[in-house]
PDB file of N, CA and C in Angstrom:
ATOM      1  N   UNK A   1     132.496  20.131 -78.935  1.00  0.00           N
ATOM      2  CA  UNK A   1     131.073  20.036 -78.684  1.00  0.00           C
ATOM      3  C   UNK A   1     130.867  19.382 -77.332  1.00  0.00           C
ATOM      4  N   UNK A   2     129.844  19.817 -76.651  1.00  0.00           N
ATOM      5  CA  UNK A   2     129.608  19.337 -75.290  1.00  0.00           C
ATOM      6  C   UNK A   2     129.210  17.862 -75.248  1.00  0.00           C
ATOM      7  N   UNK A   3     128.473  17.370 -76.248  1.00  0.00           N
ATOM      8  CA  UNK A   3     127.970  15.999 -76.193  1.00  0.00           C
ATOM      9  C   UNK A   3     128.889  14.958 -76.810  1.00  0.00           C
ATOM     10  N   UNK A   4     129.889  15.364 -77.578  1.00  0.00           N
ATOM     11  CA  UNK A   4     130.750  14.410 -78.269  1.00  0.00           C
ATOM     12  C   UNK A   4     132.200  14.818 -78.119  1.00  0.00           C
ATOM     13  N   UNK A   5     133.091  13.828 -78.001  1.00  0.00           N
ATOM     14  CA  UNK A   5     134.513  14.156 -77.888  1.00  0.00           C
ATOM     15  C   UNK A   5     135.067  14.522 -79.263  1.00  0.00           C
ATOM     16  N   UNK A   6     136.259  15.097 -79.286  1.00  0.00           N
ATOM     17  CA  UNK A   6     136.834  15.618 -80.529  1.00  0.00           C
ATOM     18  C   UNK A   6     137.044  14.533 -81.571  1.00  0.00           C
ATOM     19  N   UNK A   7     137.417  13.323 -81.160  1.00  0.00           N
ATOM     20  CA  UNK A   7     137.597  12.240 -82.131  1.00  0.00           C
ATOM     21  C   UNK A   7     136.290  11.939 -82.855  1.00  0.00           C
ATOM     22  N   UNK A   8     135.166  11.962 -82.139  1.00  0.00           N
ATOM     23  CA  UNK A   8     133.865  11.736 -82.773  1.00  0.00           C
ATOM     24  C   UNK A   8     133.512  12.904 -83.691  1.00  0.00           C
ATOM     25  N   UNK A   9     133.704  14.123 -83.222  1.00  0.00           N
ATOM     26  CA  UNK A   9     133.385  15.315 -84.019  1.00  0.00           C
ATOM     27  C   UNK A   9     134.132  15.282 -85.354  1.00  0.00           C
ATOM     28  N   UNK A  10     135.369  14.829 -85.339  1.00  0.00           N
ATOM     29  CA  UNK A  10     136.222  14.810 -86.534  1.00  0.00           C
ATOM     30  C   UNK A  10     136.169  13.488 -87.296  1.00  0.00           C
ATOM     31  N   UNK A  11     135.151  12.659 -87.073  1.00  0.00           N
ATOM     32  CA  UNK A  11     135.081  11.315 -87.654  1.00  0.00           C
ATOM     33  C   UNK A  11     135.190  11.306 -89.175  1.00  0.00           C
ATOM     34  N   UNK A  12     134.313  12.012 -89.888  1.00  0.00           N
ATOM     35  CA  UNK A  12     134.304  11.993 -91.357  1.00  0.00           C
ATOM     36  C   UNK A  12     135.257  13.028 -91.950  1.00  0.00           C
ATOM     37  N   UNK A  13     135.431  14.127 -91.267  1.00  0.00           N
ATOM     38  CA  UNK A  13     136.305  15.224 -91.666  1.00  0.00           C
ATOM     39  C   UNK A  13     136.460  16.113 -90.437  1.00  0.00           C
ATOM     40  N   UNK A  14     137.422  17.012 -90.412  1.00  0.00           N
ATOM     41  CA  UNK A  14     137.504  17.912 -89.257  1.00  0.00           C
ATOM     42  C   UNK A  14     136.194  18.679 -89.083  1.00  0.00           C
ATOM     43  N   UNK A  15     135.651  18.685 -87.859  1.00  0.00           N
ATOM     44  CA  UNK A  15     134.414  19.404 -87.578  1.00  0.00           C
ATOM     45  C   UNK A  15     134.579  20.887 -87.893  1.00  0.00           C
ATOM     46  N   UNK A  16     133.522  21.500 -88.438  1.00  0.00           N
ATOM     47  CA  UNK A  16     133.619  22.916 -88.804  1.00  0.00           C
ATOM     48  C   UNK A  16     132.248  23.570 -88.798  1.00  0.00           C
ATOM     49  N   UNK A  17     132.249  24.876 -88.721  1.00  0.00           N
ATOM     50  CA  UNK A  17     131.082  25.711 -88.976  1.00  0.00           C
ATOM     51  C   UNK A  17     131.580  26.923 -89.752  1.00  0.00           C
ATOM     52  N   UNK A  18     130.877  27.270 -90.829  1.00  0.00           N
ATOM     53  CA  UNK A  18     131.334  28.342 -91.719  1.00  0.00           C
ATOM     54  C   UNK A  18     130.141  29.216 -92.093  1.00  0.00           C
ATOM     55  N   UNK A  19     130.322  30.530 -91.995  1.00  0.00           N
ATOM     56  CA  UNK A  19     129.291  31.486 -92.363  1.00  0.00           C
ATOM     57  C   UNK A  19     129.729  32.236 -93.610  1.00  0.00           C
ATOM     58  N   UNK A  20     128.780  32.552 -94.489  1.00  0.00           N
ATOM     59  CA  UNK A  20     129.080  33.316 -95.696  1.00  0.00           C
ATOM     60  C   UNK A  20     128.396  34.677 -95.602  1.00  0.00           C
ATOM     61  N   UNK A  21     128.750  35.570 -96.491  1.00  0.00           N
ATOM     62  CA  UNK A  21     128.214  36.931 -96.452  1.00  0.00           C
ATOM     63  C   UNK A  21     126.774  37.018 -96.946  1.00  0.00           C
ATOM     64  N   UNK A  22     126.250  35.971 -97.560  1.00  0.00           N
ATOM     65  CA  UNK A  22     124.895  36.020 -98.102  1.00  0.00           C
ATOM     66  C   UNK A  22     123.867  35.393 -97.160  1.00  0.00           C
ATOM     67  N   UNK A  23     124.094  35.507 -95.851  1.00  0.00           N
ATOM     68  CA  UNK A  23     123.177  34.982 -94.827  1.00  0.00           C
ATOM     69  C   UNK A  23     123.001  33.471 -94.908  1.00  0.00           C
ATOM     70  N   UNK A  24     124.039  32.786 -95.326  1.00  0.00           N
ATOM     71  CA  UNK A  24     124.022  31.332 -95.401  1.00  0.00           C
ATOM     72  C   UNK A  24     125.256  30.788 -94.687  1.00  0.00           C
ATOM     73  N   UNK A  25     125.366  29.499 -94.664  1.00  0.00           N
ATOM     74  CA  UNK A  25     126.532  28.859 -94.079  1.00  0.00           C
ATOM     75  C   UNK A  25     126.372  27.357 -94.097  1.00  0.00           C
ATOM     76  N   UNK A  26     127.362  26.681 -93.589  1.00  0.00           N
ATOM     77  CA  UNK A  26     127.301  25.230 -93.506  1.00  0.00           C
ATOM     78  C   UNK A  26     128.135  24.758 -92.328  1.00  0.00           C
ATOM     79  N   UNK A  27     127.884  23.530 -91.908  1.00  0.00           N
ATOM     80  CA  UNK A  27     128.652  22.921 -90.834  1.00  0.00           C
ATOM     81  C   UNK A  27     128.738  21.423 -91.075  1.00  0.00           C
ATOM     82  N   UNK A  28     129.690  20.804 -90.413  1.00  0.00           N
ATOM     83  CA  UNK A  28     129.834  19.359 -90.496  1.00  0.00           C
ATOM     84  C   UNK A  28     130.529  18.835 -89.260  1.00  0.00           C
ATOM     85  N   UNK A  29     130.047  17.719 -88.766  1.00  0.00           N
ATOM     86  CA  UNK A  29     130.697  16.990 -87.677  1.00  0.00           C
ATOM     87  C   UNK A  29     130.131  15.586 -87.645  1.00  0.00           C
ATOM     88  N   UNK A  30     130.923  14.646 -87.151  1.00  0.00           N
ATOM     89  CA  UNK A  30     130.619  13.216 -87.146  1.00  0.00           C
ATOM     90  C   UNK A  30     130.181  12.847 -88.573  1.00  0.00           C
ATOM     91  N   UNK A  31     128.943  12.384 -88.788  1.00  0.00           N
ATOM     92  CA  UNK A  31     128.444  12.080 -90.136  1.00  0.00           C
ATOM     93  C   UNK A  31     127.331  13.037 -90.530  1.00  0.00           C
ATOM     94  N   UNK A  32     127.222  14.165 -89.838  1.00  0.00           N
ATOM     95  CA  UNK A  32     126.169  15.156 -90.071  1.00  0.00           C
ATOM     96  C   UNK A  32     126.719  16.310 -90.889  1.00  0.00           C
ATOM     97  N   UNK A  33     125.980  16.715 -91.910  1.00  0.00           N
ATOM     98  CA  UNK A  33     126.341  17.887 -92.713  1.00  0.00           C
ATOM     99  C   UNK A  33     125.089  18.737 -92.849  1.00  0.00           C
ATOM    100  N   UNK A  34     125.185  20.034 -92.576  1.00  0.00           N
ATOM    101  CA  UNK A  34     124.024  20.910 -92.635  1.00  0.00           C
ATOM    102  C   UNK A  34     124.319  22.214 -93.337  1.00  0.00           C
ATOM    103  N   UNK A  35     123.254  22.785 -93.951  1.00  0.00           N
ATOM    104  CA  UNK A  35     123.325  24.071 -94.633  1.00  0.00           C
ATOM    105  C   UNK A  35     122.378  25.019 -93.930  1.00  0.00           C
ATOM    106  N   UNK A  36     122.864  26.216 -93.603  1.00  0.00           N
ATOM    107  CA  UNK A  36     122.156  27.137 -92.720  1.00  0.00           C
ATOM    108  C   UNK A  36     121.539  28.328 -93.454  1.00  0.00           C
ATOM    109  N   UNK A  37     120.432  28.798 -92.906  1.00  0.00           N
ATOM    110  CA  UNK A  37     119.775  30.054 -93.277  1.00  0.00           C
ATOM    111  C   UNK A  37     119.928  30.952 -92.055  1.00  0.00           C
ATOM    112  N   UNK A  38     120.765  31.980 -92.133  1.00  0.00           N
ATOM    113  CA  UNK A  38     121.197  32.756 -90.960  1.00  0.00           C
ATOM    114  C   UNK A  38     120.501  34.109 -90.860  1.00  0.00           C
ATOM    115  N   UNK A  39     120.282  34.529 -89.631  1.00  0.00           N
ATOM    116  CA  UNK A  39     119.753  35.858 -89.323  1.00  0.00           C
ATOM    117  C   UNK A  39     120.685  36.505 -88.308  1.00  0.00           C
ATOM    118  N   UNK A  40     121.339  37.594 -88.720  1.00  0.00           N
ATOM    119  CA  UNK A  40     122.344  38.267 -87.890  1.00  0.00           C
ATOM    120  C   UNK A  40     121.739  39.383 -87.062  1.00  0.00           C
ATOM    121  N   UNK A  41     122.274  39.562 -85.878  1.00  0.00           N
ATOM    122  CA  UNK A  41     121.884  40.654 -84.994  1.00  0.00           C
ATOM    123  C   UNK A  41     123.060  40.913 -84.053  1.00  0.00           C
ATOM    124  N   UNK A  42     122.832  41.654 -82.989  1.00  0.00           N
ATOM    125  CA  UNK A  42     123.852  41.873 -81.955  1.00  0.00           C
ATOM    126  C   UNK A  42     123.253  41.566 -80.602  1.00  0.00           C
ATOM    127  N   UNK A  43     124.081  41.050 -79.723  1.00  0.00           N
ATOM    128  CA  UNK A  43     123.719  40.864 -78.314  1.00  0.00           C
ATOM    129  C   UNK A  43     124.894  41.329 -77.483  1.00  0.00           C
ATOM    130  N   UNK A  44     124.620  42.173 -76.520  1.00  0.00           N
ATOM    131  CA  UNK A  44     125.667  42.723 -75.655  1.00  0.00           C
ATOM    132  C   UNK A  44     126.796  43.356 -76.465  1.00  0.00           C
ATOM    133  N   UNK A  45     126.449  43.954 -77.615  1.00  0.00           N
ATOM    134  CA  UNK A  45     127.426  44.640 -78.443  1.00  0.00           C
ATOM    135  C   UNK A  45     128.289  43.735 -79.301  1.00  0.00           C
ATOM    136  N   UNK A  46     127.976  42.443 -79.358  1.00  0.00           N
ATOM    137  CA  UNK A  46     128.760  41.490 -80.152  1.00  0.00           C
ATOM    138  C   UNK A  46     127.884  40.851 -81.226  1.00  0.00           C
ATOM    139  N   UNK A  47     128.481  40.504 -82.375  1.00  0.00           N
ATOM    140  CA  UNK A  47     127.706  39.828 -83.420  1.00  0.00           C
ATOM    141  C   UNK A  47     127.108  38.520 -82.891  1.00  0.00           C
ATOM    142  N   UNK A  48     125.859  38.271 -83.282  1.00  0.00           N
ATOM    143  CA  UNK A  48     125.121  37.096 -82.843  1.00  0.00           C
ATOM    144  C   UNK A  48     124.288  36.612 -84.026  1.00  0.00           C
ATOM    145  N   UNK A  49     124.215  35.310 -84.216  1.00  0.00           N
ATOM    146  CA  UNK A  49     123.455  34.752 -85.324  1.00  0.00           C
ATOM    147  C   UNK A  49     122.522  33.648 -84.818  1.00  0.00           C
ATOM    148  N   UNK A  50     121.310  33.652 -85.347  1.00  0.00           N
ATOM    149  CA  UNK A  50     120.379  32.555 -85.152  1.00  0.00           C
ATOM    150  C   UNK A  50     120.165  31.947 -86.526  1.00  0.00           C
ATOM    151  N   UNK A  51     120.006  30.622 -86.592  1.00  0.00           N
ATOM    152  CA  UNK A  51     119.868  29.983 -87.892  1.00  0.00           C
ATOM    153  C   UNK A  51     118.964  28.758 -87.817  1.00  0.00           C
ATOM    154  N   UNK A  52     118.342  28.489 -88.953  1.00  0.00           N
ATOM    155  CA  UNK A  52     117.692  27.207 -89.168  1.00  0.00           C
ATOM    156  C   UNK A  52     118.605  26.455 -90.135  1.00  0.00           C
ATOM    157  N   UNK A  53     118.466  25.160 -90.187  1.00  0.00           N
ATOM    158  CA  UNK A  53     119.330  24.395 -91.077  1.00  0.00           C
ATOM    159  C   UNK A  53     118.629  23.118 -91.539  1.00  0.00           C
ATOM    160  N   UNK A  54     119.083  22.605 -92.677  1.00  0.00           N
ATOM    161  CA  UNK A  54     118.692  21.289 -93.148  1.00  0.00           C
ATOM    162  C   UNK A  54     119.941  20.597 -93.651  1.00  0.00           C
ATOM    163  N   UNK A  55     119.892  19.278 -93.644  1.00  0.00           N
ATOM    164  CA  UNK A  55     121.049  18.534 -94.090  1.00  0.00           C
ATOM    165  C   UNK A  55     120.812  17.048 -94.084  1.00  0.00           C
ATOM    166  N   UNK A  56     121.902  16.300 -93.916  1.00  0.00           N
ATOM    167  CA  UNK A  56     121.804  14.844 -93.895  1.00  0.00           C
ATOM    168  C   UNK A  56     122.736  14.276 -92.830  1.00  0.00           C
ATOM    169  N   UNK A  57     122.333  13.159 -92.278  1.00  0.00           N
ATOM    170  CA  UNK A  57     123.089  12.438 -91.263  1.00  0.00           C
ATOM    171  C   UNK A  57     123.070  10.967 -91.663  1.00  0.00           C
ATOM    172  N   UNK A  58     124.197  10.483 -92.160  1.00  0.00           N
ATOM    173  CA  UNK A  58     124.310   9.115 -92.662  1.00  0.00           C
ATOM    174  C   UNK A  58     123.224   8.813 -93.694  1.00  0.00           C
ATOM    175  N   UNK A  59     122.930   9.783 -94.570  1.00  0.00           N
ATOM    176  CA  UNK A  59     121.961   9.599 -95.636  1.00  0.00           C
ATOM    177  C   UNK A  59     120.533   9.966 -95.274  1.00  0.00           C
ATOM    178  N   UNK A  60     120.235  10.169 -94.005  1.00  0.00           N
ATOM    179  CA  UNK A  60     118.885  10.553 -93.582  1.00  0.00           C
ATOM    180  C   UNK A  60     118.735  12.071 -93.596  1.00  0.00           C
ATOM    181  N   UNK A  61     117.583  12.574 -94.076  1.00  0.00           N
ATOM    182  CA  UNK A  61     117.281  14.003 -94.030  1.00  0.00           C
ATOM    183  C   UNK A  61     117.112  14.425 -92.577  1.00  0.00           C
ATOM    184  N   UNK A  62     117.748  15.523 -92.189  1.00  0.00           N
ATOM    185  CA  UNK A  62     117.625  16.082 -90.845  1.00  0.00           C
ATOM    186  C   UNK A  62     117.517  17.594 -90.954  1.00  0.00           C
ATOM    187  N   UNK A  63     117.038  18.221 -89.888  1.00  0.00           N
ATOM    188  CA  UNK A  63     116.932  19.670 -89.858  1.00  0.00           C
ATOM    189  C   UNK A  63     116.988  20.122 -88.407  1.00  0.00           C
ATOM    190  N   UNK A  64     117.039  21.427 -88.221  1.00  0.00           N
ATOM    191  CA  UNK A  64     117.071  21.955 -86.871  1.00  0.00           C
ATOM    192  C   UNK A  64     117.283  23.452 -86.859  1.00  0.00           C
ATOM    193  N   UNK A  65     117.822  23.902 -85.744  1.00  0.00           N
ATOM    194  CA  UNK A  65     118.064  25.328 -85.546  1.00  0.00           C
ATOM    195  C   UNK A  65     119.292  25.478 -84.677  1.00  0.00           C
ATOM    196  N   UNK A  66     119.736  26.714 -84.485  1.00  0.00           N
ATOM    197  CA  UNK A  66     120.877  26.953 -83.619  1.00  0.00           C
ATOM    198  C   UNK A  66     121.173  28.432 -83.491  1.00  0.00           C
ATOM    199  N   UNK A  67     122.215  28.712 -82.748  1.00  0.00           N
ATOM    200  CA  UNK A  67     122.676  30.090 -82.569  1.00  0.00           C
ATOM    201  C   UNK A  67     124.166  30.063 -82.281  1.00  0.00           C
ATOM    202  N   UNK A  68     124.807  31.214 -82.500  1.00  0.00           N
ATOM    203  CA  UNK A  68     126.226  31.364 -82.197  1.00  0.00           C
ATOM    204  C   UNK A  68     126.525  32.827 -81.893  1.00  0.00           C
ATOM    205  N   UNK A  69     127.425  33.043 -80.955  1.00  0.00           N
ATOM    206  CA  UNK A  69     127.865  34.382 -80.576  1.00  0.00           C
ATOM    207  C   UNK A  69     129.360  34.498 -80.853  1.00  0.00           C
ATOM    208  N   UNK A  70     129.767  35.598 -81.457  1.00  0.00           N
ATOM    209  CA  UNK A  70     131.167  35.839 -81.794  1.00  0.00           C
ATOM    210  C   UNK A  70     131.832  36.608 -80.664  1.00  0.00           C
ATOM    211  N   UNK A  71     132.952  36.072 -80.170  1.00  0.00           N
ATOM    212  CA  UNK A  71     133.727  36.736 -79.117  1.00  0.00           C
ATOM    213  C   UNK A  71     134.775  37.657 -79.751  1.00  0.00           C
ATOM    214  N   UNK A  72     135.341  38.537 -78.951  1.00  0.00           N
ATOM    215  CA  UNK A  72     136.352  39.473 -79.453  1.00  0.00           C
ATOM    216  C   UNK A  72     137.582  38.762 -80.010  1.00  0.00           C
ATOM    217  N   UNK A  73     137.898  37.577 -79.511  1.00  0.00           N
ATOM    218  CA  UNK A  73     139.069  36.839 -79.994  1.00  0.00           C
ATOM    219  C   UNK A  73     138.783  36.044 -81.263  1.00  0.00           C
ATOM    220  N   UNK A  74     137.571  36.167 -81.819  1.00  0.00           N
ATOM    221  CA  UNK A  74     137.216  35.480 -83.053  1.00  0.00           C
ATOM    222  C   UNK A  74     136.613  34.103 -82.862  1.00  0.00           C
ATOM    223  N   UNK A  75     136.519  33.637 -81.625  1.00  0.00           N
ATOM    224  CA  UNK A  75     135.926  32.322 -81.387  1.00  0.00           C
ATOM    225  C   UNK A  75     134.398  32.430 -81.343  1.00  0.00           C
ATOM    226  N   UNK A  76     133.748  31.307 -81.540  1.00  0.00           N
ATOM    227  CA  UNK A  76     132.286  31.224 -81.490  1.00  0.00           C
ATOM    228  C   UNK A  76     131.865  30.318 -80.347  1.00  0.00           C
ATOM    229  N   UNK A  77     130.805  30.694 -79.675  1.00  0.00           N
ATOM    230  CA  UNK A  77     130.156  29.834 -78.700  1.00  0.00           C
ATOM    231  C   UNK A  77     128.703  29.767 -79.111  1.00  0.00           C
ATOM    232  N   UNK A  78     128.143  28.559 -79.115  1.00  0.00           N
ATOM    233  CA  UNK A  78     126.769  28.442 -79.558  1.00  0.00           C
ATOM    234  C   UNK A  78     126.129  27.132 -79.164  1.00  0.00           C
ATOM    235  N   UNK A  79     124.999  26.863 -79.776  1.00  0.00           N
ATOM    236  CA  UNK A  79     124.252  25.634 -79.514  1.00  0.00           C
ATOM    237  C   UNK A  79     123.571  25.226 -80.811  1.00  0.00           C
ATOM    238  N   UNK A  80     123.601  23.924 -81.092  1.00  0.00           N
ATOM    239  CA  UNK A  80     122.992  23.345 -82.273  1.00  0.00           C
ATOM    240  C   UNK A  80     121.909  22.372 -81.827  1.00  0.00           C
ATOM    241  N   UNK A  81     120.717  22.507 -82.419  1.00  0.00           N
ATOM    242  CA  UNK A  81     119.580  21.652 -82.092  1.00  0.00           C
ATOM    243  C   UNK A  81     119.214  20.829 -83.321  1.00  0.00           C
ATOM    244  N   UNK A  82     119.066  19.529 -83.154  1.00  0.00           N
ATOM    245  CA  UNK A  82     118.608  18.638 -84.214  1.00  0.00           C
ATOM    246  C   UNK A  82     117.125  18.380 -83.956  1.00  0.00           C
ATOM    247  N   UNK A  83     116.277  18.671 -84.940  1.00  0.00           N
ATOM    248  CA  UNK A  83     114.826  18.520 -84.775  1.00  0.00           C
ATOM    249  C   UNK A  83     114.492  17.094 -84.327  1.00  0.00           C
ATOM    250  N   UNK A  84     113.782  16.993 -83.210  1.00  0.00           N
ATOM    251  CA  UNK A  84     113.388  15.715 -82.604  1.00  0.00           C
ATOM    252  C   UNK A  84     114.587  14.836 -82.253  1.00  0.00           C
ATOM    253  N   UNK A  85     115.726  15.479 -81.958  1.00  0.00           N
ATOM    254  CA  UNK A  85     116.929  14.711 -81.633  1.00  0.00           C
ATOM    255  C   UNK A  85     117.774  15.422 -80.599  1.00  0.00           C
ATOM    256  N   UNK A  86     119.066  15.193 -80.683  1.00  0.00           N
ATOM    257  CA  UNK A  86     120.025  15.753 -79.738  1.00  0.00           C
ATOM    258  C   UNK A  86     120.195  17.252 -79.913  1.00  0.00           C
ATOM    259  N   UNK A  87     120.778  17.871 -78.909  1.00  0.00           N
ATOM    260  CA  UNK A  87     121.281  19.231 -79.026  1.00  0.00           C
ATOM    261  C   UNK A  87     122.582  19.283 -78.255  1.00  0.00           C
ATOM    262  N   UNK A  88     123.447  20.193 -78.654  1.00  0.00           N
ATOM    263  CA  UNK A  88     124.748  20.290 -78.006  1.00  0.00           C
ATOM    264  C   UNK A  88     125.284  21.705 -78.096  1.00  0.00           C
ATOM    265  N   UNK A  89     125.935  22.128 -77.037  1.00  0.00           N
ATOM    266  CA  UNK A  89     126.692  23.359 -77.075  1.00  0.00           C
ATOM    267  C   UNK A  89     127.971  23.118 -77.858  1.00  0.00           C
ATOM    268  N   UNK A  90     128.550  24.194 -78.378  1.00  0.00           N
ATOM    269  CA  UNK A  90     129.829  24.060 -79.083  1.00  0.00           C
ATOM    270  C   UNK A  90     130.666  25.308 -78.872  1.00  0.00           C
ATOM    271  N   UNK A  91     131.954  25.142 -79.056  1.00  0.00           N
ATOM    272  CA  UNK A  91     132.920  26.239 -79.046  1.00  0.00           C
ATOM    273  C   UNK A  91     133.813  26.018 -80.255  1.00  0.00           C
ATOM    274  N   UNK A  92     133.969  27.034 -81.089  1.00  0.00           N
ATOM    275  CA  UNK A  92     134.770  26.914 -82.300  1.00  0.00           C
ATOM    276  C   UNK A  92     135.790  28.041 -82.349  1.00  0.00           C
ATOM    277  N   UNK A  93     136.969  27.715 -82.829  1.00  0.00           N
ATOM    278  CA  UNK A  93     138.028  28.709 -83.003  1.00  0.00           C
ATOM    279  C   UNK A  93     138.304  28.870 -84.489  1.00  0.00           C
ATOM    280  N   UNK A  94     138.807  30.028 -84.912  1.00  0.00           N
ATOM    281  CA  UNK A  94     139.073  30.247 -86.340  1.00  0.00           C
ATOM    282  C   UNK A  94     140.059  29.220 -86.889  1.00  0.00           C
ATOM    283  N   UNK A  95     139.786  28.773 -88.111  1.00  0.00           N
ATOM    284  CA  UNK A  95     140.656  27.847 -88.812  1.00  0.00           C
ATOM    285  C   UNK A  95     141.789  28.620 -89.445  1.00  0.00           C
ATOM    286  N   UNK A  96     142.987  28.149 -89.279  1.00  0.00           N
ATOM    287  CA  UNK A  96     144.151  28.793 -89.904  1.00  0.00           C
ATOM    288  C   UNK A  96     144.498  28.040 -91.169  1.00  0.00           C
ATOM    289  N   UNK A  97     144.449  28.715 -92.306  1.00  0.00           N
ATOM    290  CA  UNK A  97     144.801  28.100 -93.581  1.00  0.00           C
ATOM    291  C   UNK A  97     146.303  27.837 -93.570  1.00  0.00           C
ATOM    292  N   UNK A  98     146.682  26.582 -93.758  1.00  0.00           N
ATOM    293  CA  UNK A  98     148.107  26.201 -93.666  1.00  0.00           C
ATOM    294  C   UNK A  98     148.721  25.941 -95.021  1.00  0.00           C
ATOM    295  N   UNK A  99     148.218  26.580 -96.074  1.00  0.00           N
ATOM    296  CA  UNK A  99     148.801  26.379 -97.412  1.00  0.00           C
ATOM    297  C   UNK A  99     150.135  27.031 -97.534  1.00  0.00           C
TER     298      UNK A  99
END
């Protein structure tokens, strides 16, 4: 994330963003956890999603919006906005299940 270093992003658990097939998803970083309502489209021929979200940050209710674009290599580039708070760009790579 552009505004926080990786140690901060991974404070409570490894930072993540996850999308599901039912136009929902969730993310977590630092002490923030959010659940998304997603709207899919395409931009420049690539999958693109805009979302609103609600969640909690250290027990406080928070909400916001964001977007993400999927690259051919499977990575995501996007931006997350916290209502009346910070916003930050992010870059995410696919998680490899190591079981």
